[in-house]
Amino acid sequence: MLSPKKGVCGSYLYHYLFGAHITGQINALVVGTNYPAINSSDVAGLLIYYPECEEQEKIAEILNNCDSILSVLQQKLEGLKQEKKALMQQLLTGKRRVKV
């Protein structure tokens, strides 16, 4: 389990850990092909850059808002896919006709 040090916003750290900077470092350290693993000492050695706490919180808030928007859009997309599937089924069965 990872926990932030004093002066590091947990939400900022969460987003940072899934960013390209850290994932690139982790991918370079991962060993094994069937069950990829990384040593705890390697995790401790990861370079994490962080600005002042206030700026971290602002960055985290923006990223959290983006995550919320993406979630809503993904739900809408899933709904549209289901609607398309239903309409295609109606077209294929002849329940609905296309006017040309």
PDB file of N, CA and C in Angstrom:
ATOM      1  N   MET A   1       0.847  -1.180   0.000  1.00  0.00           N
ATOM      2  CA  MET A   1       0.000   0.000   0.000  1.00  0.00           C
ATOM      3  C   MET A   1       0.886   1.234   0.000  1.00  0.00           C
ATOM      4  N   LEU A   2       0.529   2.188  -0.814  1.00  0.00           N
ATOM      5  CA  LEU A   2       1.248   3.447  -0.875  1.00  0.00           C
ATOM      6  C   LEU A   2       0.448   4.507  -0.147  1.00  0.00           C
ATOM      7  N   SER A   3       1.141   5.324   0.598  1.00  0.00           N
ATOM      8  CA  SER A   3       0.481   6.454   1.248  1.00  0.00           C
ATOM      9  C   SER A   3       1.376   7.674   1.084  1.00  0.00           C
ATOM     10  N   PRO A   4       0.755   8.820   0.849  1.00  0.00           N
ATOM     11  CA  PRO A   4       1.549  10.023   0.588  1.00  0.00           C
ATOM     12  C   PRO A   4       2.218  10.563   1.856  1.00  0.00           C
ATOM     13  N   LYS A   5       3.362  11.175   1.642  1.00  0.00           N
ATOM     14  CA  LYS A   5       4.044  11.861   2.735  1.00  0.00           C
ATOM     15  C   LYS A   5       3.301  13.157   3.047  1.00  0.00           C
ATOM     16  N   LYS A   6       3.630  13.748   4.154  1.00  0.00           N
ATOM     17  CA  LYS A   6       3.039  15.025   4.520  1.00  0.00           C
ATOM     18  C   LYS A   6       3.400  16.047   3.439  1.00  0.00           C
ATOM     19  N   GLY A   7       2.434  16.832   3.032  1.00  0.00           N
ATOM     20  CA  GLY A   7       2.661  17.826   1.993  1.00  0.00           C
ATOM     21  C   GLY A   7       2.390  17.323   0.591  1.00  0.00           C
ATOM     22  N   VAL A   8       1.945  16.060   0.474  1.00  0.00           N
ATOM     23  CA  VAL A   8       1.597  15.503  -0.832  1.00  0.00           C
ATOM     24  C   VAL A   8       0.115  15.149  -0.821  1.00  0.00           C
ATOM     25  N   CYS A   9      -0.617  15.688  -1.762  1.00  0.00           N
ATOM     26  CA  CYS A   9      -2.057  15.443  -1.887  1.00  0.00           C
ATOM     27  C   CYS A   9      -2.278  14.030  -2.430  1.00  0.00           C
ATOM     28  N   GLY A  10      -3.077  13.232  -1.729  1.00  0.00           N
ATOM     29  CA  GLY A  10      -3.327  11.849  -2.125  1.00  0.00           C
ATOM     30  C   GLY A  10      -3.928  11.719  -3.515  1.00  0.00           C
ATOM     31  N   SER A  11      -4.855  12.611  -3.838  1.00  0.00           N
ATOM     32  CA  SER A  11      -5.502  12.561  -5.146  1.00  0.00           C
ATOM     33  C   SER A  11      -4.495  12.904  -6.255  1.00  0.00           C
ATOM     34  N   TYR A  12      -3.627  13.864  -5.986  1.00  0.00           N
ATOM     35  CA  TYR A  12      -2.577  14.213  -6.952  1.00  0.00           C
ATOM     36  C   TYR A  12      -1.664  13.013  -7.167  1.00  0.00           C
ATOM     37  N   LEU A  13      -1.272  12.374  -6.076  1.00  0.00           N
ATOM     38  CA  LEU A  13      -0.384  11.219  -6.157  1.00  0.00           C
ATOM     39  C   LEU A  13      -1.030  10.093  -6.965  1.00  0.00           C
ATOM     40  N   TYR A  14      -2.321   9.870  -6.737  1.00  0.00           N
ATOM     41  CA  TYR A  14      -3.048   8.837  -7.483  1.00  0.00           C
ATOM     42  C   TYR A  14      -2.942   9.093  -8.989  1.00  0.00           C
ATOM     43  N   HIS A  15      -3.265  10.314  -9.403  1.00  0.00           N
ATOM     44  CA  HIS A  15      -3.217  10.643 -10.830  1.00  0.00           C
ATOM     45  C   HIS A  15      -1.784  10.571 -11.356  1.00  0.00           C
ATOM     46  N   TYR A  16      -0.845  11.010 -10.551  1.00  0.00           N
ATOM     47  CA  TYR A  16       0.553  11.001 -10.972  1.00  0.00           C
ATOM     48  C   TYR A  16       1.054   9.581 -11.197  1.00  0.00           C
ATOM     49  N   LEU A  17       0.658   8.662 -10.333  1.00  0.00           N
ATOM     50  CA  LEU A  17       1.115   7.276 -10.446  1.00  0.00           C
ATOM     51  C   LEU A  17       0.634   6.602 -11.721  1.00  0.00           C
ATOM     52  N   PHE A  18      -0.466   7.080 -12.282  1.00  0.00           N
ATOM     53  CA  PHE A  18      -0.973   6.505 -13.517  1.00  0.00           C
ATOM     54  C   PHE A  18      -0.580   7.334 -14.738  1.00  0.00           C
ATOM     55  N   GLY A  19       0.275   8.323 -14.535  1.00  0.00           N
ATOM     56  CA  GLY A  19       0.753   9.156 -15.641  1.00  0.00           C
ATOM     57  C   GLY A  19       1.911   8.490 -16.367  1.00  0.00           C
ATOM     58  N   ALA A  20       2.241   9.035 -17.516  1.00  0.00           N
ATOM     59  CA  ALA A  20       3.281   8.458 -18.376  1.00  0.00           C
ATOM     60  C   ALA A  20       4.658   8.460 -17.714  1.00  0.00           C
ATOM     61  N   HIS A  21       4.939   9.470 -16.884  1.00  0.00           N
ATOM     62  CA  HIS A  21       6.254   9.557 -16.250  1.00  0.00           C
ATOM     63  C   HIS A  21       6.521   8.345 -15.360  1.00  0.00           C
ATOM     64  N   ILE A  22       5.567   8.009 -14.519  1.00  0.00           N
ATOM     65  CA  ILE A  22       5.752   6.885 -13.591  1.00  0.00           C
ATOM     66  C   ILE A  22       5.594   5.550 -14.302  1.00  0.00           C
ATOM     67  N   THR A  23       4.604   5.428 -15.166  1.00  0.00           N
ATOM     68  CA  THR A  23       4.412   4.140 -15.844  1.00  0.00           C
ATOM     69  C   THR A  23       5.628   3.788 -16.693  1.00  0.00           C
ATOM     70  N   GLY A  24       6.290   4.801 -17.251  1.00  0.00           N
ATOM     71  CA  GLY A  24       7.515   4.553 -18.003  1.00  0.00           C
ATOM     72  C   GLY A  24       8.620   4.007 -17.110  1.00  0.00           C
ATOM     73  N   GLN A  25       8.741   4.584 -15.905  1.00  0.00           N
ATOM     74  CA  GLN A  25       9.746   4.104 -14.954  1.00  0.00           C
ATOM     75  C   GLN A  25       9.426   2.671 -14.516  1.00  0.00           C
ATOM     76  N   ILE A  26       8.157   2.424 -14.249  1.00  0.00           N
ATOM     77  CA  ILE A  26       7.750   1.093 -13.776  1.00  0.00           C
ATOM     78  C   ILE A  26       7.972   0.049 -14.864  1.00  0.00           C
ATOM     79  N   ASN A  27       7.581   0.370 -16.095  1.00  0.00           N
ATOM     80  CA  ASN A  27       7.764  -0.588 -17.193  1.00  0.00           C
ATOM     81  C   ASN A  27       9.228  -0.956 -17.378  1.00  0.00           C
ATOM     82  N   ALA A  28      10.118  -0.026 -17.103  1.00  0.00           N
ATOM     83  CA  ALA A  28      11.544  -0.301 -17.231  1.00  0.00           C
ATOM     84  C   ALA A  28      12.041  -1.235 -16.122  1.00  0.00           C
ATOM     85  N   LEU A  29      11.324  -1.267 -14.991  1.00  0.00           N
ATOM     86  CA  LEU A  29      11.755  -2.060 -13.838  1.00  0.00           C
ATOM     87  C   LEU A  29      11.069  -3.421 -13.729  1.00  0.00           C
ATOM     88  N   VAL A  30       9.961  -3.601 -14.421  1.00  0.00           N
ATOM     89  CA  VAL A  30       9.172  -4.830 -14.299  1.00  0.00           C
ATOM     90  C   VAL A  30       9.984  -6.019 -14.803  1.00  0.00           C
ATOM     91  N   VAL A  31       9.938  -7.097 -14.019  1.00  0.00           N
ATOM     92  CA  VAL A  31      10.615  -8.330 -14.416  1.00  0.00           C
ATOM     93  C   VAL A  31       9.594  -9.461 -14.483  1.00  0.00           C
ATOM     94  N   GLY A  32       9.843 -10.421 -15.340  1.00  0.00           N
ATOM     95  CA  GLY A  32       8.938 -11.562 -15.489  1.00  0.00           C
ATOM     96  C   GLY A  32       7.959 -11.328 -16.609  1.00  0.00           C
ATOM     97  N   THR A  33       7.587 -12.413 -17.269  1.00  0.00           N
ATOM     98  CA  THR A  33       6.644 -12.291 -18.377  1.00  0.00           C
ATOM     99  C   THR A  33       5.286 -12.885 -18.027  1.00  0.00           C
ATOM    100  N   ASN A  34       5.259 -13.998 -17.318  1.00  0.00           N
ATOM    101  CA  ASN A  34       3.981 -14.616 -16.961  1.00  0.00           C
ATOM    102  C   ASN A  34       3.300 -13.866 -15.827  1.00  0.00           C
ATOM    103  N   TYR A  35       4.089 -13.434 -14.875  1.00  0.00           N
ATOM    104  CA  TYR A  35       3.551 -12.700 -13.725  1.00  0.00           C
ATOM    105  C   TYR A  35       4.476 -11.523 -13.451  1.00  0.00           C
ATOM    106  N   PRO A  36       4.259 -10.397 -14.174  1.00  0.00           N
ATOM    107  CA  PRO A  36       5.156  -9.255 -14.018  1.00  0.00           C
ATOM    108  C   PRO A  36       5.180  -8.759 -12.577  1.00  0.00           C
ATOM    109  N   ALA A  37       6.356  -8.418 -12.088  1.00  0.00           N
ATOM    110  CA  ALA A  37       6.502  -7.964 -10.707  1.00  0.00           C
ATOM    111  C   ALA A  37       7.550  -6.868 -10.633  1.00  0.00           C
ATOM    112  N   ILE A  38       7.529  -6.143  -9.530  1.00  0.00           N
ATOM    113  CA  ILE A  38       8.502  -5.094  -9.275  1.00  0.00           C
ATOM    114  C   ILE A  38       8.863  -5.151  -7.791  1.00  0.00           C
ATOM    115  N   ASN A  39      10.119  -4.944  -7.471  1.00  0.00           N
ATOM    116  CA  ASN A  39      10.580  -4.986  -6.084  1.00  0.00           C
ATOM    117  C   ASN A  39      10.154  -3.728  -5.333  1.00  0.00           C
ATOM    118  N   SER A  40       9.903  -3.879  -4.041  1.00  0.00           N
ATOM    119  CA  SER A  40       9.511  -2.722  -3.232  1.00  0.00           C
ATOM    120  C   SER A  40      10.631  -1.687  -3.178  1.00  0.00           C
ATOM    121  N   SER A  41      11.872  -2.134  -3.228  1.00  0.00           N
ATOM    122  CA  SER A  41      12.993  -1.186  -3.226  1.00  0.00           C
ATOM    123  C   SER A  41      12.999  -0.361  -4.512  1.00  0.00           C
ATOM    124  N   ASP A  42      12.575  -0.975  -5.626  1.00  0.00           N
ATOM    125  CA  ASP A  42      12.472  -0.243  -6.888  1.00  0.00           C
ATOM    126  C   ASP A  42      11.355   0.796  -6.815  1.00  0.00           C
ATOM    127  N   VAL A  43      10.242   0.424  -6.185  1.00  0.00           N
ATOM    128  CA  VAL A  43       9.127   1.362  -6.023  1.00  0.00           C
ATOM    129  C   VAL A  43       9.584   2.547  -5.176  1.00  0.00           C
ATOM    130  N   ALA A  44      10.342   2.266  -4.127  1.00  0.00           N
ATOM    131  CA  ALA A  44      10.837   3.338  -3.258  1.00  0.00           C
ATOM    132  C   ALA A  44      11.766   4.281  -4.008  1.00  0.00           C
ATOM    133  N   GLY A  45      12.402   3.801  -5.050  1.00  0.00           N
ATOM    134  CA  GLY A  45      13.334   4.617  -5.808  1.00  0.00           C
ATOM    135  C   GLY A  45      12.717   5.398  -6.956  1.00  0.00           C
ATOM    136  N   LEU A  46      11.403   5.275  -7.162  1.00  0.00           N
ATOM    137  CA  LEU A  46      10.754   6.008  -8.243  1.00  0.00           C
ATOM    138  C   LEU A  46      10.844   7.512  -7.991  1.00  0.00           C
ATOM    139  N   LEU A  47      11.077   8.252  -9.053  1.00  0.00           N
ATOM    140  CA  LEU A  47      11.153   9.706  -8.942  1.00  0.00           C
ATOM    141  C   LEU A  47       9.773  10.303  -9.121  1.00  0.00           C
ATOM    142  N   ILE A  48       9.312  10.988  -8.090  1.00  0.00           N
ATOM    143  CA  ILE A  48       7.999  11.625  -8.130  1.00  0.00           C
ATOM    144  C   ILE A  48       8.198  13.116  -7.933  1.00  0.00           C
ATOM    145  N   TYR A  49       7.792  13.878  -8.930  1.00  0.00           N
ATOM    146  CA  TYR A  49       7.896  15.331  -8.863  1.00  0.00           C
ATOM    147  C   TYR A  49       6.570  15.887  -8.385  1.00  0.00           C
ATOM    148  N   TYR A  50       6.630  16.813  -7.462  1.00  0.00           N
ATOM    149  CA  TYR A  50       5.386  17.403  -6.995  1.00  0.00           C
ATOM    150  C   TYR A  50       5.603  18.864  -6.617  1.00  0.00           C
ATOM    151  N   PRO A  51       4.658  19.707  -7.043  1.00  0.00           N
ATOM    152  CA  PRO A  51       4.716  21.127  -6.691  1.00  0.00           C
ATOM    153  C   PRO A  51       4.196  21.338  -5.269  1.00  0.00           C
ATOM    154  N   GLU A  52       4.008  22.573  -4.888  1.00  0.00           N
ATOM    155  CA  GLU A  52       3.457  22.889  -3.564  1.00  0.00           C
ATOM    156  C   GLU A  52       2.069  22.252  -3.414  1.00  0.00           C
ATOM    157  N   CYS A  53       1.694  21.995  -2.181  1.00  0.00           N
ATOM    158  CA  CYS A  53       0.443  21.282  -1.875  1.00  0.00           C
ATOM    159  C   CYS A  53      -0.782  21.956  -2.501  1.00  0.00           C
ATOM    160  N   GLU A  54      -0.830  23.281  -2.463  1.00  0.00           N
ATOM    161  CA  GLU A  54      -1.984  23.999  -3.015  1.00  0.00           C
ATOM    162  C   GLU A  54      -2.119  23.747  -4.517  1.00  0.00           C
ATOM    163  N   GLU A  55      -1.006  23.760  -5.211  1.00  0.00           N
ATOM    164  CA  GLU A  55      -1.037  23.505  -6.653  1.00  0.00           C
ATOM    165  C   GLU A  55      -1.388  22.045  -6.938  1.00  0.00           C
ATOM    166  N   GLN A  56      -0.899  21.125  -6.108  1.00  0.00           N
ATOM    167  CA  GLN A  56      -1.255  19.711  -6.251  1.00  0.00           C
ATOM    168  C   GLN A  56      -2.766  19.540  -6.164  1.00  0.00           C
ATOM    169  N   GLU A  57      -3.374  20.212  -5.202  1.00  0.00           N
ATOM    170  CA  GLU A  57      -4.824  20.098  -5.012  1.00  0.00           C
ATOM    171  C   GLU A  57      -5.585  20.636  -6.215  1.00  0.00           C
ATOM    172  N   LYS A  58      -5.097  21.745  -6.791  1.00  0.00           N
ATOM    173  CA  LYS A  58      -5.748  22.309  -7.973  1.00  0.00           C
ATOM    174  C   LYS A  58      -5.626  21.353  -9.162  1.00  0.00           C
ATOM    175  N   ILE A  59      -4.440  20.791  -9.339  1.00  0.00           N
ATOM    176  CA  ILE A  59      -4.216  19.838 -10.427  1.00  0.00           C
ATOM    177  C   ILE A  59      -5.108  18.614 -10.248  1.00  0.00           C
ATOM    178  N   ALA A  60      -5.155  18.094  -9.020  1.00  0.00           N
ATOM    179  CA  ALA A  60      -5.975  16.915  -8.731  1.00  0.00           C
ATOM    180  C   ALA A  60      -7.449  17.205  -8.977  1.00  0.00           C
ATOM    181  N   GLU A  61      -7.909  18.401  -8.609  1.00  0.00           N
ATOM    182  CA  GLU A  61      -9.316  18.764  -8.824  1.00  0.00           C
ATOM    183  C   GLU A  61      -9.654  18.772 -10.311  1.00  0.00           C
ATOM    184  N   ILE A  62      -8.764  19.339 -11.117  1.00  0.00           N
ATOM    185  CA  ILE A  62      -8.984  19.374 -12.567  1.00  0.00           C
ATOM    186  C   ILE A  62      -9.024  17.956 -13.132  1.00  0.00           C
ATOM    187  N   LEU A  63      -8.080  17.125 -12.705  1.00  0.00           N
ATOM    188  CA  LEU A  63      -8.034  15.748 -13.208  1.00  0.00           C
ATOM    189  C   LEU A  63      -9.243  14.943 -12.738  1.00  0.00           C
ATOM    190  N   ASN A  64      -9.701  15.174 -11.502  1.00  0.00           N
ATOM    191  CA  ASN A  64     -10.901  14.497 -11.010  1.00  0.00           C
ATOM    192  C   ASN A  64     -12.121  14.911 -11.825  1.00  0.00           C
ATOM    193  N   ASN A  65     -12.208  16.208 -12.172  1.00  0.00           N
ATOM    194  CA  ASN A  65     -13.317  16.677 -13.007  1.00  0.00           C
ATOM    195  C   ASN A  65     -13.268  16.026 -14.387  1.00  0.00           C
ATOM    196  N   CYS A  66     -12.068  15.906 -14.937  1.00  0.00           N
ATOM    197  CA  CYS A  66     -11.917  15.240 -16.245  1.00  0.00           C
ATOM    198  C   CYS A  66     -12.357  13.779 -16.157  1.00  0.00           C
ATOM    199  N   ASP A  67     -11.981  13.107 -15.068  1.00  0.00           N
ATOM    200  CA  ASP A  67     -12.402  11.715 -14.880  1.00  0.00           C
ATOM    201  C   ASP A  67     -13.921  11.605 -14.822  1.00  0.00           C
ATOM    202  N   SER A  68     -14.556  12.558 -14.130  1.00  0.00           N
ATOM    203  CA  SER A  68     -16.023  12.543 -14.024  1.00  0.00           C
ATOM    204  C   SER A  68     -16.667  12.736 -15.396  1.00  0.00           C
ATOM    205  N   ILE A  69     -16.145  13.681 -16.162  1.00  0.00           N
ATOM    206  CA  ILE A  69     -16.675  13.938 -17.511  1.00  0.00           C
ATOM    207  C   ILE A  69     -16.494  12.706 -18.389  1.00  0.00           C
ATOM    208  N   LEU A  70     -15.316  12.088 -18.315  1.00  0.00           N
ATOM    209  CA  LEU A  70     -15.070  10.879 -19.107  1.00  0.00           C
ATOM    210  C   LEU A  70     -16.027   9.761 -18.720  1.00  0.00           C
ATOM    211  N   SER A  71     -16.299   9.622 -17.448  1.00  0.00           N
ATOM    212  CA  SER A  71     -17.219   8.585 -16.990  1.00  0.00           C
ATOM    213  C   SER A  71     -18.620   8.808 -17.558  1.00  0.00           C
ATOM    214  N   VAL A  72     -19.085  10.052 -17.513  1.00  0.00           N
ATOM    215  CA  VAL A  72     -20.406  10.379 -18.070  1.00  0.00           C
ATOM    216  C   VAL A  72     -20.439  10.088 -19.567  1.00  0.00           C
ATOM    217  N   LEU A  73     -19.382  10.487 -20.275  1.00  0.00           N
ATOM    218  CA  LEU A  73     -19.332  10.250 -21.722  1.00  0.00           C
ATOM    219  C   LEU A  73     -19.281   8.764 -22.056  1.00  0.00           C
ATOM    220  N   GLN A  74     -18.568   7.991 -21.258  1.00  0.00           N
ATOM    221  CA  GLN A  74     -18.517   6.543 -21.488  1.00  0.00           C
ATOM    222  C   GLN A  74     -19.889   5.911 -21.262  1.00  0.00           C
ATOM    223  N   GLN A  75     -20.618   6.392 -20.260  1.00  0.00           N
ATOM    224  CA  GLN A  75     -21.966   5.878 -20.021  1.00  0.00           C
ATOM    225  C   GLN A  75     -22.887   6.225 -21.184  1.00  0.00           C
ATOM    226  N   LYS A  76     -22.769   7.453 -21.693  1.00  0.00           N
ATOM    227  CA  LYS A  76     -23.579   7.858 -22.848  1.00  0.00           C
ATOM    228  C   LYS A  76     -23.241   6.999 -24.063  1.00  0.00           C
ATOM    229  N   LEU A  77     -21.948   6.774 -24.275  1.00  0.00           N
ATOM    230  CA  LEU A  77     -21.524   5.949 -25.399  1.00  0.00           C
ATOM    231  C   LEU A  77     -22.090   4.543 -25.282  1.00  0.00           C
ATOM    232  N   GLU A  78     -22.044   3.973 -24.096  1.00  0.00           N
ATOM    233  CA  GLU A  78     -22.588   2.627 -23.888  1.00  0.00           C
ATOM    234  C   GLU A  78     -24.089   2.608 -24.170  1.00  0.00           C
ATOM    235  N   GLY A  79     -24.793   3.645 -23.739  1.00  0.00           N
ATOM    236  CA  GLY A  79     -26.229   3.746 -24.023  1.00  0.00           C
ATOM    237  C   GLY A  79     -26.502   3.827 -25.514  1.00  0.00           C
ATOM    238  N   LEU A  80     -25.712   4.612 -26.227  1.00  0.00           N
ATOM    239  CA  LEU A  80     -25.879   4.735 -27.673  1.00  0.00           C
ATOM    240  C   LEU A  80     -25.570   3.423 -28.385  1.00  0.00           C
ATOM    241  N   LYS A  81     -24.566   2.697 -27.898  1.00  0.00           N
ATOM    242  CA  LYS A  81     -24.255   1.393 -28.488  1.00  0.00           C
ATOM    243  C   LYS A  81     -25.423   0.425 -28.303  1.00  0.00           C
ATOM    244  N   GLN A  82     -26.035   0.448 -27.125  1.00  0.00           N
ATOM    245  CA  GLN A  82     -27.187  -0.415 -26.866  1.00  0.00           C
ATOM    246  C   GLN A  82     -28.366  -0.023 -27.755  1.00  0.00           C
ATOM    247  N   GLU A  83     -28.565   1.286 -27.916  1.00  0.00           N
ATOM    248  CA  GLU A  83     -29.645   1.774 -28.778  1.00  0.00           C
ATOM    249  C   GLU A  83     -29.405   1.340 -30.225  1.00  0.00           C
ATOM    250  N   LYS A  84     -28.170   1.453 -30.688  1.00  0.00           N
ATOM    251  CA  LYS A  84     -27.824   1.033 -32.050  1.00  0.00           C
ATOM    252  C   LYS A  84     -28.103  -0.457 -32.220  1.00  0.00           C
ATOM    253  N   LYS A  85     -27.699  -1.236 -31.231  1.00  0.00           N
ATOM    254  CA  LYS A  85     -27.911  -2.684 -31.290  1.00  0.00           C
ATOM    255  C   LYS A  85     -29.401  -3.007 -31.398  1.00  0.00           C
ATOM    256  N   ALA A  86     -30.208  -2.308 -30.610  1.00  0.00           N
ATOM    257  CA  ALA A  86     -31.659  -2.542 -30.649  1.00  0.00           C
ATOM    258  C   ALA A  86     -32.244  -2.141 -31.999  1.00  0.00           C
ATOM    259  N   LEU A  87     -31.807  -1.003 -32.519  1.00  0.00           N
ATOM    260  CA  LEU A  87     -32.308  -0.552 -33.820  1.00  0.00           C
ATOM    261  C   LEU A  87     -31.885  -1.506 -34.937  1.00  0.00           C
ATOM    262  N   MET A  88     -30.664  -1.985 -34.882  1.00  0.00           N
ATOM    263  CA  MET A  88     -30.201  -2.928 -35.896  1.00  0.00           C
ATOM    264  C   MET A  88     -31.028  -4.209 -35.848  1.00  0.00           C
ATOM    265  N   GLN A  89     -31.351  -4.653 -34.658  1.00  0.00           N
ATOM    266  CA  GLN A  89     -32.168  -5.862 -34.504  1.00  0.00           C
ATOM    267  C   GLN A  89     -33.554  -5.639 -35.111  1.00  0.00           C
ATOM    268  N   GLN A  90     -34.125  -4.453 -34.882  1.00  0.00           N
ATOM    269  CA  GLN A  90     -35.436  -4.149 -35.448  1.00  0.00           C
ATOM    270  C   GLN A  90     -35.375  -4.084 -36.972  1.00  0.00           C
ATOM    271  N   LEU A  91     -34.294  -3.531 -37.493  1.00  0.00           N
ATOM    272  CA  LEU A  91     -34.141  -3.458 -38.952  1.00  0.00           C
ATOM    273  C   LEU A  91     -33.993  -4.851 -39.553  1.00  0.00           C
ATOM    274  N   LEU A  92     -33.211  -5.696 -38.896  1.00  0.00           N
ATOM    275  CA  LEU A  92     -32.969  -7.040 -39.422  1.00  0.00           C
ATOM    276  C   LEU A  92     -34.215  -7.909 -39.360  1.00  0.00           C
ATOM    277  N   THR A  93     -35.067  -7.703 -38.375  1.00  0.00           N
ATOM    278  CA  THR A  93     -36.275  -8.508 -38.247  1.00  0.00           C
ATOM    279  C   THR A  93     -37.445  -7.934 -39.041  1.00  0.00           C
ATOM    280  N   GLY A  94     -37.255  -6.736 -39.578  1.00  0.00           N
ATOM    281  CA  GLY A  94     -38.325  -6.123 -40.371  1.00  0.00           C
ATOM    282  C   GLY A  94     -39.331  -5.364 -39.540  1.00  0.00           C
ATOM    283  N   LYS A  95     -39.119  -5.232 -38.250  1.00  0.00           N
ATOM    284  CA  LYS A  95     -40.050  -4.471 -37.401  1.00  0.00           C
ATOM    285  C   LYS A  95     -39.983  -2.971 -37.718  1.00  0.00           C
ATOM    286  N   ARG A  96     -38.872  -2.560 -38.258  1.00  0.00           N
ATOM    287  CA  ARG A  96     -38.687  -1.153 -38.603  1.00  0.00           C
ATOM    288  C   ARG A  96     -38.176  -1.103 -40.042  1.00  0.00           C
ATOM    289  N   ARG A  97     -38.694  -0.152 -40.801  1.00  0.00           N
ATOM    290  CA  ARG A  97     -38.292  -0.004 -42.204  1.00  0.00           C
ATOM    291  C   ARG A  97     -37.527   1.303 -42.384  1.00  0.00           C
ATOM    292  N   VAL A  98     -36.605   1.279 -43.329  1.00  0.00           N
ATOM    293  CA  VAL A  98     -35.837   2.486 -43.673  1.00  0.00           C
ATOM    294  C   VAL A  98     -36.483   3.094 -44.894  1.00  0.00           C
ATOM    295  N   LYS A  99     -36.820   4.398 -44.794  1.00  0.00           N
ATOM    296  CA  LYS A  99     -37.400   5.105 -45.941  1.00  0.00           C
ATOM    297  C   LYS A  99     -36.258   5.629 -46.792  1.00  0.00           C
ATOM    298  N   VAL A 100     -36.345   5.318 -48.101  1.00  0.00           N
ATOM    299  CA  VAL A 100     -35.290   5.743 -49.030  1.00  0.00           C
ATOM    300  C   VAL A 100     -35.803   6.865 -49.887  1.00  0.00           C
TER     301      VAL A 100
END
